[in-house]
Amino acid sequence: MLGGCMEETLEPATEAGWTARDKDLMSHLPYAQADIPEQFRRHIVDYTRKEAPGTIVVDEDHKFLYFVEPGGKAIRYGITVGEEAQAWSGIAKVGRMAEWPAWVPTAGEQKRLGPFPAFVTGGPQNPMGARAMYLYSNGKDTEYRIHGTNQPEYIGQAISSGCIRMTNENVIDLYNHVHVGTIVVVLKPTTDLTSEMAESGPISPLNN
């Protein structure tokens, strides 16, 4: 939570931005919906750092992803962090975006978590979930991704594998806010972002 700052919990993302495929696949989920802890649900919060509106900021330590909005606000989403997410920090851009992406498990993933098929088609059974945003730095793929999940029960936790995972509902919501070229700031571990922003004091809830 953002210290003493007031914040507004948003209702679960509506289907307004969903495609016909989204509605079909999300109505036949092969996993149970999870009861996400309150602090890791979608919130509007005060945002006092210097990043410009339209920027994504990933706070691995506290398991939050922020989409910066105008007026000193941000949408805050709960995330799951894995080993690959801990391996990279810095500034990147969204270099590619995909809806219901396919997945090619790495040798390491096969060893740790497999066996998996060599190629997993897109869909709700795929660990990549409903959307993926592939991050590039200096024109090269960082192999760091923001994507959905078929294990929403792990939101707010660190687990053994994966980059940054969001619920499928929230990753669709974020995907609809961004574009190829969106700046992504991945904070170094131990960056105390929540305390830094809490020092700005309380705010009033944003009425949506």
N, C-alpha and C. Protein backbone atom coordinates (compact mmCIF):
# COMPACT_ATOMS: atom_id res chain seq x y z
N MET A 1 0.85 -1.19 0.00
CA MET A 1 0.00 0.00 0.00
C MET A 1 0.89 1.24 0.00
N LEU A 2 0.35 2.38 -0.39
CA LEU A 2 1.14 3.59 -0.49
C LEU A 2 1.13 4.35 0.83
N GLY A 3 1.64 3.75 1.88
CA GLY A 3 1.74 4.42 3.16
C GLY A 3 0.40 4.99 3.58
N GLY A 4 0.37 6.30 3.89
CA GLY A 4 -0.87 6.94 4.32
C GLY A 4 -1.69 7.50 3.19
N CYS A 5 -1.28 7.29 1.95
CA CYS A 5 -2.00 7.88 0.82
C CYS A 5 -3.34 7.19 0.61
N MET A 6 -4.34 7.98 0.27
CA MET A 6 -5.63 7.42 -0.08
C MET A 6 -5.56 6.89 -1.51
N GLU A 7 -6.36 5.90 -1.81
CA GLU A 7 -6.37 5.31 -3.13
C GLU A 7 -7.74 4.74 -3.43
N GLU A 8 -8.03 4.54 -4.68
CA GLU A 8 -9.33 4.01 -5.08
C GLU A 8 -9.15 2.69 -5.79
N THR A 9 -9.84 1.67 -5.30
CA THR A 9 -9.85 0.38 -5.97
C THR A 9 -10.82 0.44 -7.13
N LEU A 10 -10.37 0.07 -8.31
CA LEU A 10 -11.23 0.06 -9.48
C LEU A 10 -11.98 -1.25 -9.57
N GLU A 11 -13.13 -1.20 -10.16
CA GLU A 11 -13.86 -2.43 -10.43
C GLU A 11 -13.05 -3.30 -11.39
N PRO A 12 -13.27 -4.62 -11.38
CA PRO A 12 -12.58 -5.47 -12.36
C PRO A 12 -12.75 -4.93 -13.77
N ALA A 13 -11.70 -5.05 -14.57
CA ALA A 13 -11.73 -4.52 -15.93
C ALA A 13 -12.95 -5.04 -16.68
N THR A 14 -13.64 -4.11 -17.34
CA THR A 14 -14.83 -4.51 -18.09
C THR A 14 -14.42 -5.17 -19.40
N GLU A 15 -15.40 -5.71 -20.10
CA GLU A 15 -15.15 -6.35 -21.39
C GLU A 15 -15.19 -5.35 -22.54
N ALA A 16 -15.27 -4.07 -22.24
CA ALA A 16 -15.42 -3.06 -23.29
C ALA A 16 -14.29 -3.11 -24.31
N GLY A 17 -13.06 -3.39 -23.86
CA GLY A 17 -11.93 -3.43 -24.78
C GLY A 17 -11.56 -4.81 -25.25
N TRP A 18 -12.44 -5.78 -24.99
CA TRP A 18 -12.15 -7.15 -25.38
C TRP A 18 -12.58 -7.42 -26.81
N THR A 19 -11.82 -8.27 -27.49
CA THR A 19 -12.20 -8.72 -28.82
C THR A 19 -13.19 -9.88 -28.69
N ALA A 20 -13.78 -10.26 -29.81
CA ALA A 20 -14.67 -11.43 -29.80
C ALA A 20 -13.92 -12.67 -29.35
N ARG A 21 -12.65 -12.78 -29.75
CA ARG A 21 -11.84 -13.92 -29.32
C ARG A 21 -11.61 -13.90 -27.82
N ASP A 22 -11.34 -12.70 -27.27
CA ASP A 22 -11.17 -12.58 -25.83
C ASP A 22 -12.41 -13.11 -25.10
N LYS A 23 -13.57 -12.66 -25.52
CA LYS A 23 -14.80 -13.05 -24.84
C LYS A 23 -15.01 -14.56 -24.91
N ASP A 24 -14.69 -15.14 -26.06
CA ASP A 24 -14.85 -16.58 -26.21
C ASP A 24 -13.87 -17.34 -25.32
N LEU A 25 -12.59 -16.99 -25.39
CA LEU A 25 -11.58 -17.72 -24.62
C LEU A 25 -11.71 -17.49 -23.12
N MET A 26 -12.07 -16.28 -22.72
CA MET A 26 -12.20 -15.98 -21.30
C MET A 26 -13.45 -16.61 -20.69
N SER A 27 -14.35 -17.09 -21.53
CA SER A 27 -15.53 -17.78 -21.01
C SER A 27 -15.30 -19.28 -20.85
N HIS A 28 -14.11 -19.76 -21.24
CA HIS A 28 -13.79 -21.19 -21.14
C HIS A 28 -12.40 -21.35 -20.51
N LEU A 29 -12.24 -20.79 -19.31
CA LEU A 29 -10.93 -20.82 -18.67
C LEU A 29 -10.65 -22.20 -18.06
N PRO A 30 -9.44 -22.73 -18.27
CA PRO A 30 -9.09 -24.03 -17.69
C PRO A 30 -8.53 -23.92 -16.28
N TYR A 31 -8.64 -22.74 -15.66
CA TYR A 31 -8.13 -22.54 -14.31
C TYR A 31 -9.20 -21.82 -13.50
N ALA A 32 -9.08 -21.90 -12.18
CA ALA A 32 -10.04 -21.25 -11.29
C ALA A 32 -9.67 -19.78 -11.12
N GLN A 33 -10.69 -18.94 -11.09
CA GLN A 33 -10.44 -17.54 -10.78
C GLN A 33 -9.99 -17.43 -9.33
N ALA A 34 -9.04 -16.55 -9.06
CA ALA A 34 -8.47 -16.43 -7.73
C ALA A 34 -9.02 -15.20 -7.02
N ASP A 35 -9.03 -15.25 -5.71
CA ASP A 35 -9.40 -14.10 -4.89
C ASP A 35 -8.14 -13.28 -4.66
N ILE A 36 -7.93 -12.26 -5.50
CA ILE A 36 -6.71 -11.45 -5.44
C ILE A 36 -6.75 -10.56 -4.19
N PRO A 37 -5.70 -10.56 -3.36
CA PRO A 37 -5.68 -9.67 -2.19
C PRO A 37 -5.93 -8.22 -2.60
N GLU A 38 -6.59 -7.48 -1.71
CA GLU A 38 -7.02 -6.12 -2.03
C GLU A 38 -5.90 -5.25 -2.58
N GLN A 39 -4.72 -5.27 -1.96
CA GLN A 39 -3.65 -4.37 -2.38
C GLN A 39 -3.13 -4.67 -3.77
N PHE A 40 -3.40 -5.87 -4.28
CA PHE A 40 -2.90 -6.24 -5.60
C PHE A 40 -3.98 -6.17 -6.67
N ARG A 41 -5.14 -5.64 -6.33
CA ARG A 41 -6.15 -5.36 -7.34
C ARG A 41 -5.83 -4.04 -8.03
N ARG A 42 -6.56 -3.73 -9.07
CA ARG A 42 -6.29 -2.53 -9.86
C ARG A 42 -6.74 -1.29 -9.07
N HIS A 43 -5.81 -0.34 -8.90
CA HIS A 43 -6.08 0.89 -8.16
C HIS A 43 -5.69 2.11 -8.97
N ILE A 44 -6.34 3.23 -8.67
CA ILE A 44 -5.84 4.55 -9.06
C ILE A 44 -5.11 5.09 -7.84
N VAL A 45 -3.85 5.51 -8.02
CA VAL A 45 -3.06 5.99 -6.89
C VAL A 45 -2.36 7.30 -7.26
N ASP A 46 -1.89 7.98 -6.22
CA ASP A 46 -1.05 9.16 -6.41
C ASP A 46 0.29 8.71 -6.96
N TYR A 47 0.86 9.49 -7.89
CA TYR A 47 2.16 9.14 -8.46
C TYR A 47 3.01 10.40 -8.52
N THR A 48 4.12 10.42 -7.78
CA THR A 48 4.91 11.65 -7.65
C THR A 48 6.29 11.56 -8.27
N ARG A 49 6.64 10.44 -8.89
CA ARG A 49 7.94 10.36 -9.56
C ARG A 49 7.93 11.16 -10.86
N LYS A 50 9.07 11.20 -11.53
CA LYS A 50 9.25 12.09 -12.67
C LYS A 50 8.80 11.48 -14.00
N GLU A 51 8.47 10.18 -14.05
CA GLU A 51 8.13 9.56 -15.34
C GLU A 51 6.92 10.24 -15.96
N ALA A 52 6.96 10.38 -17.28
CA ALA A 52 5.89 11.06 -18.02
C ALA A 52 4.66 10.18 -18.14
N PRO A 53 3.48 10.81 -18.27
CA PRO A 53 2.28 10.02 -18.55
C PRO A 53 2.48 9.12 -19.76
N GLY A 54 1.93 7.91 -19.67
CA GLY A 54 2.10 6.93 -20.73
C GLY A 54 3.24 5.97 -20.50
N THR A 55 4.02 6.17 -19.42
CA THR A 55 5.14 5.30 -19.09
C THR A 55 4.66 4.14 -18.21
N ILE A 56 5.26 2.97 -18.41
CA ILE A 56 5.07 1.83 -17.51
C ILE A 56 6.25 1.79 -16.55
N VAL A 57 5.97 1.62 -15.26
CA VAL A 57 7.02 1.47 -14.25
C VAL A 57 6.79 0.17 -13.51
N VAL A 58 7.81 -0.69 -13.46
CA VAL A 58 7.72 -1.99 -12.80
C VAL A 58 8.50 -1.95 -11.50
N ASP A 59 7.81 -2.19 -10.38
CA ASP A 59 8.40 -2.24 -9.05
C ASP A 59 8.41 -3.71 -8.62
N GLU A 60 9.52 -4.39 -8.90
CA GLU A 60 9.62 -5.83 -8.62
C GLU A 60 9.53 -6.12 -7.12
N ASP A 61 10.18 -5.29 -6.31
CA ASP A 61 10.23 -5.57 -4.88
C ASP A 61 8.84 -5.65 -4.25
N HIS A 62 7.97 -4.73 -4.65
CA HIS A 62 6.64 -4.65 -4.03
C HIS A 62 5.56 -5.33 -4.85
N LYS A 63 5.94 -5.91 -6.01
CA LYS A 63 5.02 -6.67 -6.86
C LYS A 63 3.91 -5.78 -7.43
N PHE A 64 4.33 -4.58 -7.91
CA PHE A 64 3.38 -3.66 -8.53
C PHE A 64 3.90 -3.22 -9.90
N LEU A 65 2.97 -2.96 -10.80
CA LEU A 65 3.26 -2.32 -12.08
C LEU A 65 2.38 -1.08 -12.15
N TYR A 66 2.99 0.06 -12.54
CA TYR A 66 2.27 1.32 -12.63
C TYR A 66 2.18 1.75 -14.09
N PHE A 67 0.99 2.22 -14.50
CA PHE A 67 0.86 2.92 -15.77
C PHE A 67 0.59 4.37 -15.42
N VAL A 68 1.55 5.25 -15.75
CA VAL A 68 1.49 6.64 -15.34
C VAL A 68 0.46 7.40 -16.18
N GLU A 69 -0.40 8.15 -15.48
CA GLU A 69 -1.44 8.94 -16.13
C GLU A 69 -1.20 10.42 -15.86
N PRO A 70 -1.89 11.31 -16.58
CA PRO A 70 -1.72 12.74 -16.31
C PRO A 70 -2.23 13.12 -14.91
N GLY A 71 -1.80 14.28 -14.44
CA GLY A 71 -2.32 14.81 -13.20
C GLY A 71 -1.78 14.16 -11.95
N GLY A 72 -0.60 13.56 -12.02
CA GLY A 72 -0.01 12.96 -10.84
C GLY A 72 -0.69 11.69 -10.38
N LYS A 73 -1.31 10.97 -11.30
CA LYS A 73 -1.99 9.71 -10.98
C LYS A 73 -1.34 8.56 -11.74
N ALA A 74 -1.66 7.35 -11.32
CA ALA A 74 -1.23 6.15 -12.04
C ALA A 74 -2.23 5.05 -11.76
N ILE A 75 -2.35 4.14 -12.73
CA ILE A 75 -3.07 2.89 -12.48
C ILE A 75 -2.03 1.91 -11.94
N ARG A 76 -2.33 1.31 -10.79
CA ARG A 76 -1.41 0.35 -10.19
C ARG A 76 -2.03 -1.05 -10.27
N TYR A 77 -1.26 -1.98 -10.81
CA TYR A 77 -1.69 -3.37 -10.94
C TYR A 77 -0.79 -4.26 -10.10
N GLY A 78 -1.35 -5.29 -9.49
CA GLY A 78 -0.54 -6.31 -8.85
C GLY A 78 0.05 -7.25 -9.89
N ILE A 79 1.26 -7.74 -9.61
CA ILE A 79 1.96 -8.61 -10.56
C ILE A 79 2.57 -9.80 -9.83
N THR A 80 2.95 -10.80 -10.60
CA THR A 80 3.79 -11.90 -10.13
C THR A 80 5.18 -11.71 -10.71
N VAL A 81 6.18 -11.92 -9.90
CA VAL A 81 7.58 -11.77 -10.32
C VAL A 81 8.25 -13.14 -10.30
N GLY A 82 9.04 -13.43 -11.33
CA GLY A 82 9.79 -14.68 -11.39
C GLY A 82 11.27 -14.44 -11.56
N GLU A 83 12.02 -15.50 -11.69
CA GLU A 83 13.47 -15.39 -11.80
C GLU A 83 13.91 -14.50 -12.95
N GLU A 84 13.28 -14.67 -14.12
CA GLU A 84 13.67 -13.88 -15.27
C GLU A 84 13.42 -12.39 -15.03
N ALA A 85 12.37 -12.08 -14.25
CA ALA A 85 12.07 -10.69 -13.95
C ALA A 85 13.14 -10.07 -13.07
N GLN A 86 13.79 -10.87 -12.25
CA GLN A 86 14.83 -10.34 -11.37
C GLN A 86 16.15 -10.13 -12.11
N ALA A 87 16.25 -10.65 -13.32
CA ALA A 87 17.55 -10.68 -14.01
C ALA A 87 17.83 -9.42 -14.82
N TRP A 88 16.85 -8.52 -14.94
CA TRP A 88 17.05 -7.35 -15.79
C TRP A 88 16.38 -6.15 -15.17
N SER A 89 17.04 -5.00 -15.22
CA SER A 89 16.42 -3.74 -14.83
C SER A 89 16.99 -2.66 -15.72
N GLY A 90 16.27 -1.56 -15.85
CA GLY A 90 16.71 -0.49 -16.72
C GLY A 90 15.54 0.12 -17.45
N ILE A 91 15.84 0.79 -18.56
CA ILE A 91 14.82 1.46 -19.36
C ILE A 91 14.74 0.75 -20.71
N ALA A 92 13.54 0.41 -21.10
CA ALA A 92 13.31 -0.28 -22.37
C ALA A 92 12.10 0.33 -23.05
N LYS A 93 11.78 -0.20 -24.20
CA LYS A 93 10.57 0.16 -24.93
C LYS A 93 9.79 -1.10 -25.28
N VAL A 94 8.50 -0.95 -25.38
CA VAL A 94 7.71 -2.06 -25.91
C VAL A 94 8.04 -2.18 -27.39
N GLY A 95 8.69 -3.29 -27.75
CA GLY A 95 9.13 -3.47 -29.13
C GLY A 95 8.19 -4.32 -29.95
N ARG A 96 7.37 -5.10 -29.27
CA ARG A 96 6.41 -5.95 -29.96
C ARG A 96 5.27 -6.25 -29.00
N MET A 97 4.08 -6.43 -29.57
CA MET A 97 2.89 -6.73 -28.77
C MET A 97 2.14 -7.87 -29.43
N ALA A 98 1.54 -8.73 -28.62
CA ALA A 98 0.83 -9.88 -29.19
C ALA A 98 -0.40 -10.20 -28.35
N GLU A 99 -1.46 -10.57 -29.05
CA GLU A 99 -2.69 -11.03 -28.40
C GLU A 99 -2.69 -12.55 -28.37
N TRP A 100 -2.96 -13.13 -27.21
CA TRP A 100 -2.95 -14.58 -27.01
C TRP A 100 -1.71 -15.20 -27.67
N PRO A 101 -0.52 -14.80 -27.19
CA PRO A 101 0.72 -15.23 -27.84
C PRO A 101 0.98 -16.72 -27.67
N ALA A 102 1.70 -17.28 -28.63
CA ALA A 102 2.22 -18.64 -28.49
C ALA A 102 3.42 -18.60 -27.55
N TRP A 103 3.88 -19.78 -27.14
CA TRP A 103 5.00 -19.87 -26.19
C TRP A 103 5.91 -21.01 -26.60
N VAL A 104 7.21 -20.70 -26.67
CA VAL A 104 8.23 -21.71 -26.92
C VAL A 104 9.07 -21.84 -25.65
N PRO A 105 8.84 -22.88 -24.84
CA PRO A 105 9.58 -23.02 -23.58
C PRO A 105 11.09 -23.11 -23.82
N THR A 106 11.84 -22.41 -22.98
CA THR A 106 13.30 -22.50 -23.07
C THR A 106 13.77 -23.82 -22.46
N ALA A 107 15.04 -24.14 -22.71
CA ALA A 107 15.61 -25.36 -22.13
C ALA A 107 15.55 -25.31 -20.60
N GLY A 108 15.79 -24.12 -20.04
CA GLY A 108 15.73 -23.97 -18.59
C GLY A 108 14.34 -24.20 -18.05
N GLU A 109 13.34 -23.69 -18.76
CA GLU A 109 11.95 -23.89 -18.32
C GLU A 109 11.55 -25.36 -18.43
N GLN A 110 12.01 -26.01 -19.48
CA GLN A 110 11.72 -27.44 -19.62
C GLN A 110 12.33 -28.22 -18.45
N LYS A 111 13.54 -27.84 -18.07
CA LYS A 111 14.24 -28.55 -17.00
C LYS A 111 13.58 -28.31 -15.65
N ARG A 112 13.22 -27.04 -15.38
CA ARG A 112 12.66 -26.70 -14.08
C ARG A 112 11.20 -27.11 -13.93
N LEU A 113 10.42 -26.92 -15.00
CA LEU A 113 8.97 -27.00 -14.87
C LEU A 113 8.31 -28.04 -15.76
N GLY A 114 9.04 -28.56 -16.74
CA GLY A 114 8.47 -29.43 -17.76
C GLY A 114 8.12 -30.81 -17.26
N PRO A 115 7.85 -31.69 -18.23
CA PRO A 115 8.01 -31.41 -19.67
C PRO A 115 6.81 -30.66 -20.27
N PHE A 116 7.12 -29.81 -21.24
CA PHE A 116 6.13 -29.10 -22.02
C PHE A 116 6.30 -29.47 -23.48
N PRO A 117 5.25 -29.28 -24.29
CA PRO A 117 5.46 -29.38 -25.74
C PRO A 117 6.49 -28.35 -26.19
N ALA A 118 7.14 -28.59 -27.29
CA ALA A 118 8.13 -27.64 -27.80
C ALA A 118 7.50 -26.33 -28.22
N PHE A 119 6.20 -26.35 -28.55
CA PHE A 119 5.48 -25.15 -28.97
C PHE A 119 4.08 -25.21 -28.38
N VAL A 120 3.69 -24.15 -27.66
CA VAL A 120 2.37 -24.09 -27.03
C VAL A 120 1.57 -23.00 -27.73
N THR A 121 0.47 -23.35 -28.34
CA THR A 121 -0.35 -22.37 -29.04
C THR A 121 -0.98 -21.40 -28.06
N GLY A 122 -1.37 -20.23 -28.57
CA GLY A 122 -1.99 -19.22 -27.73
C GLY A 122 -3.36 -19.66 -27.23
N GLY A 123 -3.70 -19.24 -26.03
CA GLY A 123 -4.99 -19.57 -25.45
C GLY A 123 -4.91 -19.53 -23.94
N PRO A 124 -6.03 -19.71 -23.27
CA PRO A 124 -6.03 -19.60 -21.81
C PRO A 124 -5.24 -20.69 -21.10
N GLN A 125 -4.90 -21.77 -21.80
CA GLN A 125 -4.06 -22.82 -21.20
C GLN A 125 -2.58 -22.46 -21.27
N ASN A 126 -2.25 -21.42 -22.01
CA ASN A 126 -0.86 -21.01 -22.23
C ASN A 126 -0.39 -20.12 -21.08
N PRO A 127 0.78 -20.38 -20.49
CA PRO A 127 1.27 -19.53 -19.40
C PRO A 127 1.48 -18.07 -19.76
N MET A 128 1.55 -17.76 -21.07
CA MET A 128 1.71 -16.36 -21.49
C MET A 128 0.42 -15.56 -21.38
N GLY A 129 -0.70 -16.25 -21.29
CA GLY A 129 -1.96 -15.57 -21.07
C GLY A 129 -2.48 -14.80 -22.27
N ALA A 130 -3.31 -13.78 -21.98
CA ALA A 130 -4.09 -13.10 -23.01
C ALA A 130 -3.30 -12.09 -23.84
N ARG A 131 -2.25 -11.54 -23.27
CA ARG A 131 -1.47 -10.53 -23.98
C ARG A 131 -0.01 -10.64 -23.57
N ALA A 132 0.88 -10.18 -24.46
CA ALA A 132 2.30 -10.08 -24.12
C ALA A 132 2.86 -8.80 -24.71
N MET A 133 3.69 -8.13 -23.93
CA MET A 133 4.43 -6.95 -24.37
C MET A 133 5.91 -7.27 -24.22
N TYR A 134 6.63 -7.28 -25.33
CA TYR A 134 8.03 -7.71 -25.39
C TYR A 134 8.91 -6.47 -25.32
N LEU A 135 9.84 -6.46 -24.37
CA LEU A 135 10.63 -5.27 -24.13
C LEU A 135 11.97 -5.32 -24.85
N TYR A 136 12.29 -4.21 -25.51
CA TYR A 136 13.51 -4.08 -26.29
C TYR A 136 14.35 -2.93 -25.75
N SER A 137 15.67 -3.09 -25.80
CA SER A 137 16.60 -2.04 -25.42
C SER A 137 17.70 -1.96 -26.47
N ASN A 138 17.96 -0.76 -26.96
CA ASN A 138 18.95 -0.55 -28.02
C ASN A 138 18.65 -1.43 -29.23
N GLY A 139 17.37 -1.58 -29.53
CA GLY A 139 16.95 -2.35 -30.69
C GLY A 139 17.00 -3.85 -30.54
N LYS A 140 17.35 -4.34 -29.34
CA LYS A 140 17.47 -5.78 -29.13
C LYS A 140 16.45 -6.26 -28.10
N ASP A 141 15.97 -7.47 -28.30
CA ASP A 141 15.03 -8.07 -27.38
C ASP A 141 15.75 -8.37 -26.06
N THR A 142 15.22 -7.84 -24.95
CA THR A 142 15.80 -8.10 -23.64
C THR A 142 15.41 -9.48 -23.11
N GLU A 143 14.47 -10.14 -23.78
CA GLU A 143 13.87 -11.39 -23.32
C GLU A 143 13.10 -11.19 -22.01
N TYR A 144 12.71 -9.95 -21.76
CA TYR A 144 11.90 -9.59 -20.60
C TYR A 144 10.51 -9.25 -21.13
N ARG A 145 9.50 -9.86 -20.55
CA ARG A 145 8.14 -9.68 -21.04
C ARG A 145 7.19 -9.30 -19.92
N ILE A 146 6.17 -8.56 -20.27
CA ILE A 146 5.01 -8.35 -19.41
C ILE A 146 3.89 -9.14 -20.07
N HIS A 147 3.28 -10.06 -19.36
CA HIS A 147 2.29 -10.91 -20.01
C HIS A 147 1.22 -11.37 -19.02
N GLY A 148 0.23 -12.06 -19.52
CA GLY A 148 -0.84 -12.59 -18.68
C GLY A 148 -0.40 -13.86 -17.97
N THR A 149 -1.38 -14.56 -17.42
CA THR A 149 -1.06 -15.78 -16.68
C THR A 149 -2.26 -16.71 -16.63
N ASN A 150 -1.99 -17.99 -16.48
CA ASN A 150 -3.06 -18.95 -16.18
C ASN A 150 -2.95 -19.42 -14.73
N GLN A 151 -2.21 -18.64 -13.91
CA GLN A 151 -2.07 -18.92 -12.48
C GLN A 151 -2.30 -17.63 -11.69
N PRO A 152 -3.51 -17.09 -11.73
CA PRO A 152 -3.75 -15.81 -11.05
C PRO A 152 -3.58 -15.88 -9.55
N GLU A 153 -3.58 -17.08 -8.98
CA GLU A 153 -3.43 -17.21 -7.53
C GLU A 153 -2.06 -16.75 -7.04
N TYR A 154 -1.09 -16.58 -7.96
CA TYR A 154 0.24 -16.15 -7.56
C TYR A 154 0.46 -14.65 -7.66
N ILE A 155 -0.56 -13.88 -8.03
CA ILE A 155 -0.40 -12.43 -8.10
C ILE A 155 -0.01 -11.91 -6.71
N GLY A 156 1.02 -11.05 -6.69
CA GLY A 156 1.54 -10.53 -5.44
C GLY A 156 2.65 -11.36 -4.84
N GLN A 157 3.10 -12.38 -5.57
CA GLN A 157 4.13 -13.27 -5.06
C GLN A 157 5.31 -13.36 -6.04
N ALA A 158 6.40 -13.96 -5.57
CA ALA A 158 7.54 -14.30 -6.41
C ALA A 158 7.56 -15.82 -6.53
N ILE A 159 7.68 -16.31 -7.77
CA ILE A 159 7.71 -17.75 -7.99
C ILE A 159 8.93 -18.09 -8.84
N SER A 160 9.09 -19.36 -9.16
CA SER A 160 10.37 -19.83 -9.69
C SER A 160 10.64 -19.46 -11.14
N SER A 161 9.60 -19.16 -11.90
CA SER A 161 9.85 -18.92 -13.32
C SER A 161 8.90 -17.86 -13.84
N GLY A 162 9.31 -17.21 -14.93
CA GLY A 162 8.45 -16.23 -15.58
C GLY A 162 9.00 -14.83 -15.47
N CYS A 163 8.50 -13.94 -16.32
CA CYS A 163 8.88 -12.54 -16.24
C CYS A 163 7.86 -11.83 -15.36
N ILE A 164 7.18 -10.82 -15.88
CA ILE A 164 6.16 -10.10 -15.13
C ILE A 164 4.79 -10.60 -15.58
N ARG A 165 4.04 -11.19 -14.65
CA ARG A 165 2.72 -11.72 -14.97
C ARG A 165 1.63 -10.85 -14.35
N MET A 166 0.54 -10.70 -15.09
CA MET A 166 -0.63 -10.01 -14.61
C MET A 166 -1.84 -10.91 -14.84
N THR A 167 -2.94 -10.64 -14.14
CA THR A 167 -4.15 -11.39 -14.47
C THR A 167 -4.50 -11.11 -15.93
N ASN A 168 -5.17 -12.02 -16.57
CA ASN A 168 -5.53 -11.81 -17.97
C ASN A 168 -6.42 -10.59 -18.14
N GLU A 169 -7.33 -10.36 -17.18
CA GLU A 169 -8.18 -9.18 -17.27
C GLU A 169 -7.34 -7.90 -17.22
N ASN A 170 -6.36 -7.87 -16.31
CA ASN A 170 -5.55 -6.66 -16.17
C ASN A 170 -4.56 -6.49 -17.30
N VAL A 171 -4.01 -7.58 -17.83
CA VAL A 171 -3.05 -7.41 -18.93
C VAL A 171 -3.76 -6.92 -20.19
N ILE A 172 -5.02 -7.31 -20.38
CA ILE A 172 -5.79 -6.76 -21.50
C ILE A 172 -6.01 -5.27 -21.28
N ASP A 173 -6.33 -4.89 -20.05
CA ASP A 173 -6.54 -3.48 -19.73
C ASP A 173 -5.28 -2.67 -19.99
N LEU A 174 -4.12 -3.15 -19.51
CA LEU A 174 -2.87 -2.44 -19.75
C LEU A 174 -2.54 -2.38 -21.23
N TYR A 175 -2.70 -3.49 -21.92
CA TYR A 175 -2.40 -3.58 -23.36
C TYR A 175 -3.16 -2.50 -24.14
N ASN A 176 -4.39 -2.23 -23.71
CA ASN A 176 -5.21 -1.24 -24.41
C ASN A 176 -4.77 0.19 -24.12
N HIS A 177 -3.86 0.38 -23.16
CA HIS A 177 -3.34 1.71 -22.85
C HIS A 177 -2.02 2.00 -23.57
N VAL A 178 -1.33 0.96 -24.03
CA VAL A 178 0.04 1.15 -24.52
C VAL A 178 0.14 0.89 -26.02
N HIS A 179 1.33 1.09 -26.55
CA HIS A 179 1.59 0.89 -27.99
C HIS A 179 3.05 0.54 -28.15
N VAL A 180 3.43 0.06 -29.33
CA VAL A 180 4.84 -0.16 -29.62
C VAL A 180 5.58 1.17 -29.48
N GLY A 181 6.62 1.17 -28.71
CA GLY A 181 7.36 2.40 -28.42
C GLY A 181 7.14 2.93 -27.02
N THR A 182 6.13 2.43 -26.31
CA THR A 182 5.90 2.85 -24.93
C THR A 182 7.16 2.60 -24.08
N ILE A 183 7.54 3.59 -23.28
CA ILE A 183 8.70 3.47 -22.40
C ILE A 183 8.35 2.62 -21.19
N VAL A 184 9.26 1.72 -20.82
CA VAL A 184 9.09 0.87 -19.65
C VAL A 184 10.31 1.04 -18.76
N VAL A 185 10.08 1.44 -17.51
CA VAL A 185 11.15 1.60 -16.53
C VAL A 185 11.05 0.44 -15.56
N VAL A 186 12.08 -0.40 -15.52
CA VAL A 186 12.12 -1.53 -14.59
C VAL A 186 13.09 -1.15 -13.49
N LEU A 187 12.55 -0.91 -12.30
CA LEU A 187 13.37 -0.42 -11.20
C LEU A 187 14.31 -1.50 -10.69
N LYS A 188 15.48 -1.07 -10.24
CA LYS A 188 16.42 -2.00 -9.63
C LYS A 188 15.83 -2.55 -8.34
N PRO A 189 16.12 -3.79 -8.00
CA PRO A 189 15.67 -4.32 -6.71
C PRO A 189 16.14 -3.42 -5.56
N THR A 190 15.32 -3.36 -4.53
CA THR A 190 15.53 -2.56 -3.31
C THR A 190 15.19 -1.09 -3.51
N THR A 191 14.69 -0.68 -4.69
CA THR A 191 14.21 0.69 -4.85
C THR A 191 12.93 0.83 -4.05
N ASP A 192 12.91 1.72 -3.06
CA ASP A 192 11.76 1.83 -2.16
C ASP A 192 10.75 2.81 -2.74
N LEU A 193 10.10 2.38 -3.81
CA LEU A 193 9.18 3.26 -4.52
C LEU A 193 7.97 3.61 -3.67
N THR A 194 7.42 2.64 -2.94
CA THR A 194 6.20 2.92 -2.18
C THR A 194 6.46 3.95 -1.09
N SER A 195 7.59 3.85 -0.40
CA SER A 195 7.91 4.84 0.64
C SER A 195 8.18 6.20 0.01
N GLU A 196 8.86 6.19 -1.13
CA GLU A 196 9.20 7.43 -1.82
C GLU A 196 7.95 8.22 -2.16
N MET A 197 6.93 7.52 -2.66
CA MET A 197 5.71 8.22 -3.06
C MET A 197 4.83 8.54 -1.86
N ALA A 198 4.88 7.71 -0.82
CA ALA A 198 4.07 7.97 0.37
C ALA A 198 4.47 9.27 1.06
N GLU A 199 5.73 9.68 0.89
CA GLU A 199 6.20 10.90 1.54
C GLU A 199 5.48 12.14 1.03
N SER A 200 4.78 12.02 -0.12
CA SER A 200 4.07 13.18 -0.65
C SER A 200 2.80 13.48 0.13
N GLY A 201 2.35 12.55 1.01
CA GLY A 201 1.20 12.81 1.84
C GLY A 201 -0.07 12.28 1.21
N PRO A 202 -1.22 12.42 1.94
CA PRO A 202 -2.48 11.87 1.46
C PRO A 202 -3.06 12.63 0.29
N ILE A 203 -3.87 11.94 -0.50
CA ILE A 203 -4.56 12.54 -1.63
C ILE A 203 -6.03 12.16 -1.54
N SER A 204 -6.82 12.78 -2.38
CA SER A 204 -8.23 12.43 -2.46
C SER A 204 -8.44 11.37 -3.51
N PRO A 205 -9.41 10.46 -3.30
CA PRO A 205 -9.68 9.44 -4.30
C PRO A 205 -10.09 10.06 -5.62
N LEU A 206 -9.74 9.40 -6.71
CA LEU A 206 -10.16 9.83 -8.03
C LEU A 206 -11.48 9.19 -8.35
N ASN A 207 -12.45 9.96 -8.69
CA ASN A 207 -13.78 9.43 -8.99
C ASN A 207 -13.87 9.04 -10.44
N ASN A 208 -14.04 7.76 -10.74
CA ASN A 208 -14.20 7.26 -12.10
C ASN A 208 -15.63 6.82 -12.30
